[in-house]
Structures are given as C-alpha cells and as structure tokens.
Amino acid sequence: MSVRERGDSPLKLLIKTVNNNILVKLKDGSEFIGILEQCDPTMNLVLGDAKEVNETNGELLVNYGKVFIRGSNILFIAINSDKVTFE
C-alpha cells in the first residue's frame, strides 16, 4: 500500500517522524543524518545531533550538532534506512 493510498501526504509522514533519526540528501550531494526536531509546510528542517556523512561509505565527515536545512535544497529524505544510525 502506498503512502497516498493510506491518506498520508509526504509532509504528514515527515511530521510523524519528529524525534526520530532521518537521513537528508541535499541537491549539492551532501548527506546529513540527525534527529528531526522540527519541520514546516515548506519542508524546512531542524536536525539535532546532526552529522554530515560521506555518501558512499557513511563515514562521519563533520559533527555539527543542531542544523537548519532549507526545504528547497533537499533532494530526498530517508526515514526508514539502515544508513540512519549514530555510531
């Protein structure tokens, strides 16, 4: 059953994911993992305990703490991924 068949829009699904780990890939190719703290209707995100990781091997590049990601820069968001872990 797809997300649309259940009646959940992508934004509603994202709101349900608040306080959980997510992976965010940006249009420039960078990837961040962190705890989704907030999101808004334009999919601007606030990630806590945010880390930039290497997209090929998941290796930690930078530990930022709290970051704001503008929704228009997001390529995709993974909410159920084995890459979304903190080591």
PDB file of N, CA and C in Angstrom:
ATOM      1  N   MET A   1       0.851  -1.172   0.000  1.00  0.00           N
ATOM      2  CA  MET A   1       0.000   0.000   0.000  1.00  0.00           C
ATOM      3  C   MET A   1       0.895   1.233   0.000  1.00  0.00           C
ATOM      4  N   SER A   2       0.660   2.155  -0.879  1.00  0.00           N
ATOM      5  CA  SER A   2       1.494   3.349  -0.976  1.00  0.00           C
ATOM      6  C   SER A   2       1.099   4.367   0.088  1.00  0.00           C
ATOM      7  N   VAL A   3       1.961   5.356   0.255  1.00  0.00           N
ATOM      8  CA  VAL A   3       1.688   6.430   1.207  1.00  0.00           C
ATOM      9  C   VAL A   3       0.396   7.146   0.844  1.00  0.00           C
ATOM     10  N   ARG A   4       0.189   7.412  -0.427  1.00  0.00           N
ATOM     11  CA  ARG A   4      -1.010   8.126  -0.877  1.00  0.00           C
ATOM     12  C   ARG A   4      -2.279   7.323  -0.603  1.00  0.00           C
ATOM     13  N   GLU A   5      -2.232   5.997  -0.745  1.00  0.00           N
ATOM     14  CA  GLU A   5      -3.416   5.170  -0.512  1.00  0.00           C
ATOM     15  C   GLU A   5      -3.835   5.200   0.948  1.00  0.00           C
ATOM     16  N   ARG A   6      -2.889   5.375   1.844  1.00  0.00           N
ATOM     17  CA  ARG A   6      -3.213   5.438   3.263  1.00  0.00           C
ATOM     18  C   ARG A   6      -3.723   6.811   3.664  1.00  0.00           C
ATOM     19  N   GLY A   7      -3.614   7.785   2.759  1.00  0.00           N
ATOM     20  CA  GLY A   7      -4.090   9.120   3.077  1.00  0.00           C
ATOM     21  C   GLY A   7      -3.037  10.027   3.674  1.00  0.00           C
ATOM     22  N   ASP A   8      -1.807   9.555   3.820  1.00  0.00           N
ATOM     23  CA  ASP A   8      -0.741  10.376   4.374  1.00  0.00           C
ATOM     24  C   ASP A   8       0.002  11.097   3.257  1.00  0.00           C
ATOM     25  N   SER A   9       0.108  12.398   3.381  1.00  0.00           N
ATOM     26  CA  SER A   9       0.930  13.155   2.443  1.00  0.00           C
ATOM     27  C   SER A   9       2.384  13.040   2.910  1.00  0.00           C
ATOM     28  N   PRO A  10       3.339  13.350   2.055  1.00  0.00           N
ATOM     29  CA  PRO A  10       4.741  13.309   2.493  1.00  0.00           C
ATOM     30  C   PRO A  10       4.996  14.195   3.712  1.00  0.00           C
ATOM     31  N   LEU A  11       4.346  15.354   3.777  1.00  0.00           N
ATOM     32  CA  LEU A  11       4.540  16.240   4.920  1.00  0.00           C
ATOM     33  C   LEU A  11       3.993  15.621   6.203  1.00  0.00           C
ATOM     34  N   LYS A  12       2.819  14.996   6.131  1.00  0.00           N
ATOM     35  CA  LYS A  12       2.258  14.340   7.318  1.00  0.00           C
ATOM     36  C   LYS A  12       3.162  13.208   7.790  1.00  0.00           C
ATOM     37  N   LEU A  13       3.711  12.464   6.847  1.00  0.00           N
ATOM     38  CA  LEU A  13       4.635  11.385   7.190  1.00  0.00           C
ATOM     39  C   LEU A  13       5.879  11.944   7.867  1.00  0.00           C
ATOM     40  N   LEU A  14       6.374  13.065   7.371  1.00  0.00           N
ATOM     41  CA  LEU A  14       7.544  13.702   7.962  1.00  0.00           C
ATOM     42  C   LEU A  14       7.242  14.198   9.374  1.00  0.00           C
ATOM     43  N   ILE A  15       6.070  14.778   9.575  1.00  0.00           N
ATOM     44  CA  ILE A  15       5.682  15.258  10.901  1.00  0.00           C
ATOM     45  C   ILE A  15       5.614  14.101  11.893  1.00  0.00           C
ATOM     46  N   LYS A  16       5.153  12.938  11.448  1.00  0.00           N
ATOM     47  CA  LYS A  16       5.104  11.753  12.318  1.00  0.00           C
ATOM     48  C   LYS A  16       6.500  11.261  12.684  1.00  0.00           C
ATOM     49  N   THR A  17       7.506  11.694  11.935  1.00  0.00           N
ATOM     50  CA  THR A  17       8.879  11.242  12.142  1.00  0.00           C
ATOM     51  C   THR A  17       9.652  12.146  13.100  1.00  0.00           C
ATOM     52  N   VAL A  18       9.038  13.230  13.579  1.00  0.00           N
ATOM     53  CA  VAL A  18       9.706  14.126  14.523  1.00  0.00           C
ATOM     54  C   VAL A  18      10.206  13.312  15.717  1.00  0.00           C
ATOM     55  N   ASN A  19      11.406  13.638  16.178  1.00  0.00           N
ATOM     56  CA  ASN A  19      12.109  12.969  17.280  1.00  0.00           C
ATOM     57  C   ASN A  19      12.656  11.598  16.893  1.00  0.00           C
ATOM     58  N   ASN A  20      12.755  11.324  15.602  1.00  0.00           N
ATOM     59  CA  ASN A  20      13.373  10.092  15.113  1.00  0.00           C
ATOM     60  C   ASN A  20      14.531  10.437  14.186  1.00  0.00           C
ATOM     61  N   ASN A  21      15.389   9.456  13.957  1.00  0.00           N
ATOM     62  CA  ASN A  21      16.539   9.637  13.075  1.00  0.00           C
ATOM     63  C   ASN A  21      16.100   9.662  11.620  1.00  0.00           C
ATOM     64  N   ILE A  22      16.695  10.571  10.852  1.00  0.00           N
ATOM     65  CA  ILE A  22      16.451  10.624   9.412  1.00  0.00           C
ATOM     66  C   ILE A  22      17.768  10.870   8.688  1.00  0.00           C
ATOM     67  N   LEU A  23      17.763  10.589   7.405  1.00  0.00           N
ATOM     68  CA  LEU A  23      18.874  10.926   6.527  1.00  0.00           C
ATOM     69  C   LEU A  23      18.345  11.916   5.502  1.00  0.00           C
ATOM     70  N   VAL A  24      19.082  12.996   5.289  1.00  0.00           N
ATOM     71  CA  VAL A  24      18.681  14.025   4.331  1.00  0.00           C
ATOM     72  C   VAL A  24      19.793  14.185   3.304  1.00  0.00           C
ATOM     73  N   LYS A  25      19.458  14.018   2.033  1.00  0.00           N
ATOM     74  CA  LYS A  25      20.423  14.263   0.957  1.00  0.00           C
ATOM     75  C   LYS A  25      20.050  15.578   0.292  1.00  0.00           C
ATOM     76  N   LEU A  26      21.058  16.441   0.139  1.00  0.00           N
ATOM     77  CA  LEU A  26      20.837  17.747  -0.468  1.00  0.00           C
ATOM     78  C   LEU A  26      21.178  17.724  -1.948  1.00  0.00           C
ATOM     79  N   LYS A  27      20.697  18.729  -2.656  1.00  0.00           N
ATOM     80  CA  LYS A  27      20.921  18.815  -4.098  1.00  0.00           C
ATOM     81  C   LYS A  27      22.398  18.931  -4.453  1.00  0.00           C
ATOM     82  N   ASP A  28      23.223  19.432  -3.532  1.00  0.00           N
ATOM     83  CA  ASP A  28      24.658  19.545  -3.807  1.00  0.00           C
ATOM     84  C   ASP A  28      25.406  18.236  -3.567  1.00  0.00           C
ATOM     85  N   GLY A  29      24.681  17.182  -3.162  1.00  0.00           N
ATOM     86  CA  GLY A  29      25.277  15.868  -2.963  1.00  0.00           C
ATOM     87  C   GLY A  29      25.626  15.544  -1.527  1.00  0.00           C
ATOM     88  N   SER A  30      25.601  16.522  -0.628  1.00  0.00           N
ATOM     89  CA  SER A  30      25.943  16.247   0.767  1.00  0.00           C
ATOM     90  C   SER A  30      24.802  15.500   1.459  1.00  0.00           C
ATOM     91  N   GLU A  31      25.173  14.703   2.464  1.00  0.00           N
ATOM     92  CA  GLU A  31      24.190  13.918   3.224  1.00  0.00           C
ATOM     93  C   GLU A  31      24.346  14.204   4.707  1.00  0.00           C
ATOM     94  N   PHE A  32      23.218  14.338   5.379  1.00  0.00           N
ATOM     95  CA  PHE A  32      23.197  14.579   6.813  1.00  0.00           C
ATOM     96  C   PHE A  32      22.325  13.529   7.481  1.00  0.00           C
ATOM     97  N   ILE A  33      22.754  13.078   8.652  1.00  0.00           N
ATOM     98  CA  ILE A  33      21.901  12.259   9.494  1.00  0.00           C
ATOM     99  C   ILE A  33      21.708  13.008  10.801  1.00  0.00           C
ATOM    100  N   GLY A  34      20.544  12.852  11.394  1.00  0.00           N
ATOM    101  CA  GLY A  34      20.274  13.531  12.644  1.00  0.00           C
ATOM    102  C   GLY A  34      18.869  13.230  13.120  1.00  0.00           C
ATOM    103  N   ILE A  35      18.542  13.806  14.254  1.00  0.00           N
ATOM    104  CA  ILE A  35      17.217  13.636  14.843  1.00  0.00           C
ATOM    105  C   ILE A  35      16.343  14.796  14.368  1.00  0.00           C
ATOM    106  N   LEU A  36      15.253  14.473  13.697  1.00  0.00           N
ATOM    107  CA  LEU A  36      14.345  15.509  13.209  1.00  0.00           C
ATOM    108  C   LEU A  36      13.656  16.164  14.402  1.00  0.00           C
ATOM    109  N   GLU A  37      13.933  17.451  14.613  1.00  0.00           N
ATOM    110  CA  GLU A  37      13.326  18.181  15.723  1.00  0.00           C
ATOM    111  C   GLU A  37      12.105  18.981  15.287  1.00  0.00           C
ATOM    112  N   GLN A  38      12.176  19.573  14.092  1.00  0.00           N
ATOM    113  CA  GLN A  38      11.059  20.381  13.596  1.00  0.00           C
ATOM    114  C   GLN A  38      11.018  20.330  12.082  1.00  0.00           C
ATOM    115  N   CYS A  39       9.815  20.521  11.538  1.00  0.00           N
ATOM    116  CA  CYS A  39       9.652  20.716  10.097  1.00  0.00           C
ATOM    117  C   CYS A  39       8.457  21.637   9.897  1.00  0.00           C
ATOM    118  N   ASP A  40       8.420  22.291   8.738  1.00  0.00           N
ATOM    119  CA  ASP A  40       7.313  23.196   8.451  1.00  0.00           C
ATOM    120  C   ASP A  40       6.703  22.850   7.094  1.00  0.00           C
ATOM    121  N   PRO A  41       5.646  23.543   6.681  1.00  0.00           N
ATOM    122  CA  PRO A  41       4.970  23.198   5.417  1.00  0.00           C
ATOM    123  C   PRO A  41       5.851  23.285   4.169  1.00  0.00           C
ATOM    124  N   THR A  42       6.957  24.036   4.228  1.00  0.00           N
ATOM    125  CA  THR A  42       7.866  24.097   3.080  1.00  0.00           C
ATOM    126  C   THR A  42       9.024  23.107   3.228  1.00  0.00           C
ATOM    127  N   MET A  43       8.895  22.203   4.180  1.00  0.00           N
ATOM    128  CA  MET A  43       9.867  21.148   4.476  1.00  0.00           C
ATOM    129  C   MET A  43      11.228  21.682   4.903  1.00  0.00           C
ATOM    130  N   ASN A  44      11.253  22.897   5.478  1.00  0.00           N
ATOM    131  CA  ASN A  44      12.452  23.328   6.181  1.00  0.00           C
ATOM    132  C   ASN A  44      12.583  22.414   7.390  1.00  0.00           C
ATOM    133  N   LEU A  45      13.805  21.995   7.696  1.00  0.00           N
ATOM    134  CA  LEU A  45      14.021  21.038   8.774  1.00  0.00           C
ATOM    135  C   LEU A  45      14.997  21.583   9.803  1.00  0.00           C
ATOM    136  N   VAL A  46      14.795  21.194  11.053  1.00  0.00           N
ATOM    137  CA  VAL A  46      15.791  21.387  12.096  1.00  0.00           C
ATOM    138  C   VAL A  46      16.203  19.999  12.545  1.00  0.00           C
ATOM    139  N   LEU A  47      17.507  19.705  12.414  1.00  0.00           N
ATOM    140  CA  LEU A  47      18.049  18.421  12.854  1.00  0.00           C
ATOM    141  C   LEU A  47      18.899  18.638  14.089  1.00  0.00           C
ATOM    142  N   GLY A  48      18.690  17.808  15.095  1.00  0.00           N
ATOM    143  CA  GLY A  48      19.544  17.802  16.265  1.00  0.00           C
ATOM    144  C   GLY A  48      20.568  16.692  16.130  1.00  0.00           C
ATOM    145  N   ASP A  49      21.693  16.838  16.801  1.00  0.00           N
ATOM    146  CA  ASP A  49      22.784  15.853  16.747  1.00  0.00           C
ATOM    147  C   ASP A  49      23.134  15.530  15.289  1.00  0.00           C
ATOM    148  N   ALA A  50      23.169  16.571  14.457  1.00  0.00           N
ATOM    149  CA  ALA A  50      23.363  16.397  13.011  1.00  0.00           C
ATOM    150  C   ALA A  50      24.823  16.123  12.670  1.00  0.00           C
ATOM    151  N   LYS A  51      24.992  15.198  11.750  1.00  0.00           N
ATOM    152  CA  LYS A  51      26.317  14.828  11.274  1.00  0.00           C
ATOM    153  C   LYS A  51      26.300  14.785   9.756  1.00  0.00           C
ATOM    154  N   GLU A  52      27.343  15.331   9.140  1.00  0.00           N
ATOM    155  CA  GLU A  52      27.494  15.182   7.696  1.00  0.00           C
ATOM    156  C   GLU A  52      28.284  13.910   7.463  1.00  0.00           C
ATOM    157  N   VAL A  53      27.793  13.072   6.570  1.00  0.00           N
ATOM    158  CA  VAL A  53      28.433  11.785   6.315  1.00  0.00           C
ATOM    159  C   VAL A  53      28.803  11.663   4.842  1.00  0.00           C
ATOM    160  N   ASN A  54      29.801  10.835   4.576  1.00  0.00           N
ATOM    161  CA  ASN A  54      30.212  10.535   3.209  1.00  0.00           C
ATOM    162  C   ASN A  54      29.122   9.713   2.555  1.00  0.00           C
ATOM    163  N   GLU A  55      28.683  10.123   1.361  1.00  0.00           N
ATOM    164  CA  GLU A  55      27.552   9.447   0.723  1.00  0.00           C
ATOM    165  C   GLU A  55      27.877   8.041   0.248  1.00  0.00           C
ATOM    166  N   THR A  56      29.143   7.714   0.038  1.00  0.00           N
ATOM    167  CA  THR A  56      29.477   6.382  -0.473  1.00  0.00           C
ATOM    168  C   THR A  56      29.677   5.351   0.625  1.00  0.00           C
ATOM    169  N   ASN A  57      30.298   5.753   1.747  1.00  0.00           N
ATOM    170  CA  ASN A  57      30.578   4.759   2.786  1.00  0.00           C
ATOM    171  C   ASN A  57      29.980   5.095   4.148  1.00  0.00           C
ATOM    172  N   GLY A  58      29.280   6.214   4.264  1.00  0.00           N
ATOM    173  CA  GLY A  58      28.643   6.574   5.524  1.00  0.00           C
ATOM    174  C   GLY A  58      29.597   7.075   6.587  1.00  0.00           C
ATOM    175  N   GLU A  59      30.853   7.299   6.232  1.00  0.00           N
ATOM    176  CA  GLU A  59      31.868   7.758   7.180  1.00  0.00           C
ATOM    177  C   GLU A  59      31.557   9.182   7.642  1.00  0.00           C
ATOM    178  N   LEU A  60      31.735   9.420   8.935  1.00  0.00           N
ATOM    179  CA  LEU A  60      31.479  10.738   9.516  1.00  0.00           C
ATOM    180  C   LEU A  60      32.478  11.753   8.966  1.00  0.00           C
ATOM    181  N   LEU A  61      31.962  12.864   8.439  1.00  0.00           N
ATOM    182  CA  LEU A  61      32.819  13.948   7.948  1.00  0.00           C
ATOM    183  C   LEU A  61      32.886  15.083   8.963  1.00  0.00           C
ATOM    184  N   VAL A  62      31.712  15.550   9.437  1.00  0.00           N
ATOM    185  CA  VAL A  62      31.645  16.669  10.373  1.00  0.00           C
ATOM    186  C   VAL A  62      30.484  16.447  11.333  1.00  0.00           C
ATOM    187  N   ASN A  63      30.714  16.757  12.605  1.00  0.00           N
ATOM    188  CA  ASN A  63      29.656  16.692  13.606  1.00  0.00           C
ATOM    189  C   ASN A  63      29.215  18.128  13.888  1.00  0.00           C
ATOM    190  N   TYR A  64      28.004  18.503  13.456  1.00  0.00           N
ATOM    191  CA  TYR A  64      27.541  19.884  13.562  1.00  0.00           C
ATOM    192  C   TYR A  64      26.726  20.175  14.818  1.00  0.00           C
ATOM    193  N   GLY A  65      26.064  19.212  15.378  1.00  0.00           N
ATOM    194  CA  GLY A  65      25.124  19.494  16.457  1.00  0.00           C
ATOM    195  C   GLY A  65      23.764  19.799  15.868  1.00  0.00           C
ATOM    196  N   LYS A  66      23.258  21.024  16.069  1.00  0.00           N
ATOM    197  CA  LYS A  66      21.938  21.402  15.541  1.00  0.00           C
ATOM    198  C   LYS A  66      22.113  22.180  14.235  1.00  0.00           C
ATOM    199  N   VAL A  67      21.334  21.801  13.210  1.00  0.00           N
ATOM    200  CA  VAL A  67      21.396  22.489  11.916  1.00  0.00           C
ATOM    201  C   VAL A  67      19.988  22.779  11.401  1.00  0.00           C
ATOM    202  N   PHE A  68      19.913  23.802  10.571  1.00  0.00           N
ATOM    203  CA  PHE A  68      18.692  24.148   9.847  1.00  0.00           C
ATOM    204  C   PHE A  68      18.944  23.830   8.383  1.00  0.00           C
ATOM    205  N   ILE A  69      18.035  23.096   7.759  1.00  0.00           N
ATOM    206  CA  ILE A  69      18.155  22.768   6.338  1.00  0.00           C
ATOM    207  C   ILE A  69      16.947  23.347   5.615  1.00  0.00           C
ATOM    208  N   ARG A  70      17.224  24.176   4.636  1.00  0.00           N
ATOM    209  CA  ARG A  70      16.146  24.796   3.851  1.00  0.00           C
ATOM    210  C   ARG A  70      15.499  23.754   2.944  1.00  0.00           C
ATOM    211  N   GLY A  71      14.187  23.703   2.944  1.00  0.00           N
ATOM    212  CA  GLY A  71      13.446  22.698   2.191  1.00  0.00           C
ATOM    213  C   GLY A  71      13.740  22.678   0.706  1.00  0.00           C
ATOM    214  N   SER A  72      14.016  23.839   0.117  1.00  0.00           N
ATOM    215  CA  SER A  72      14.270  23.899  -1.325  1.00  0.00           C
ATOM    216  C   SER A  72      15.616  23.286  -1.716  1.00  0.00           C
ATOM    217  N   ASN A  73      16.478  23.013  -0.732  1.00  0.00           N
ATOM    218  CA  ASN A  73      17.777  22.384  -1.009  1.00  0.00           C
ATOM    219  C   ASN A  73      17.743  20.867  -0.883  1.00  0.00           C
ATOM    220  N   ILE A  74      16.606  20.305  -0.460  1.00  0.00           N
ATOM    221  CA  ILE A  74      16.522  18.869  -0.185  1.00  0.00           C
ATOM    222  C   ILE A  74      16.223  18.092  -1.462  1.00  0.00           C
ATOM    223  N   LEU A  75      17.020  17.051  -1.695  1.00  0.00           N
ATOM    224  CA  LEU A  75      16.778  16.142  -2.815  1.00  0.00           C
ATOM    225  C   LEU A  75      15.851  15.021  -2.364  1.00  0.00           C
ATOM    226  N   PHE A  76      16.196  14.373  -1.224  1.00  0.00           N
ATOM    227  CA  PHE A  76      15.301  13.374  -0.645  1.00  0.00           C
ATOM    228  C   PHE A  76      15.563  13.221   0.837  1.00  0.00           C
ATOM    229  N   ILE A  77      14.594  12.603   1.525  1.00  0.00           N
ATOM    230  CA  ILE A  77      14.682  12.318   2.955  1.00  0.00           C
ATOM    231  C   ILE A  77      14.395  10.842   3.143  1.00  0.00           C
ATOM    232  N   ALA A  78      15.268  10.148   3.875  1.00  0.00           N
ATOM    233  CA  ALA A  78      15.052   8.734   4.189  1.00  0.00           C
ATOM    234  C   ALA A  78      14.686   8.625   5.661  1.00  0.00           C
ATOM    235  N   ILE A  79      13.528   8.039   5.927  1.00  0.00           N
ATOM    236  CA  ILE A  79      13.100   7.899   7.319  1.00  0.00           C
ATOM    237  C   ILE A  79      13.233   6.468   7.814  1.00  0.00           C
ATOM    238  N   ASN A  80      13.284   5.511   6.925  1.00  0.00           N
ATOM    239  CA  ASN A  80      13.457   4.107   7.297  1.00  0.00           C
ATOM    240  C   ASN A  80      14.635   3.550   6.519  1.00  0.00           C
ATOM    241  N   SER A  81      15.820   3.819   7.003  1.00  0.00           N
ATOM    242  CA  SER A  81      17.012   3.422   6.273  1.00  0.00           C
ATOM    243  C   SER A  81      18.030   2.852   7.239  1.00  0.00           C
ATOM    244  N   ASP A  82      18.737   1.813   6.816  1.00  0.00           N
ATOM    245  CA  ASP A  82      19.782   1.255   7.673  1.00  0.00           C
ATOM    246  C   ASP A  82      20.972   2.207   7.770  1.00  0.00           C
ATOM    247  N   LYS A  83      21.058   3.225   6.889  1.00  0.00           N
ATOM    248  CA  LYS A  83      22.119   4.226   6.977  1.00  0.00           C
ATOM    249  C   LYS A  83      21.859   5.222   8.097  1.00  0.00           C
ATOM    250  N   VAL A  84      20.644   5.275   8.605  1.00  0.00           N
ATOM    251  CA  VAL A  84      20.283   6.271   9.604  1.00  0.00           C
ATOM    252  C   VAL A  84      20.614   5.731  10.983  1.00  0.00           C
ATOM    253  N   THR A  85      21.903   5.735  11.291  1.00  0.00           N
ATOM    254  CA  THR A  85      22.363   5.270  12.595  1.00  0.00           C
ATOM    255  C   THR A  85      23.424   6.219  13.113  1.00  0.00           C
ATOM    256  N   PHE A  86      23.607   6.213  14.404  1.00  0.00           N
ATOM    257  CA  PHE A  86      24.646   7.010  15.041  1.00  0.00           C
ATOM    258  C   PHE A  86      25.652   6.067  15.656  1.00  0.00           C
ATOM    259  N   GLU A  87      26.901   6.288  15.324  1.00  0.00           N
ATOM    260  CA  GLU A  87      27.961   5.416  15.857  1.00  0.00           C
ATOM    261  C   GLU A  87      28.898   6.203  16.726  1.00  0.00           C
TER     262      GLU A  87
END
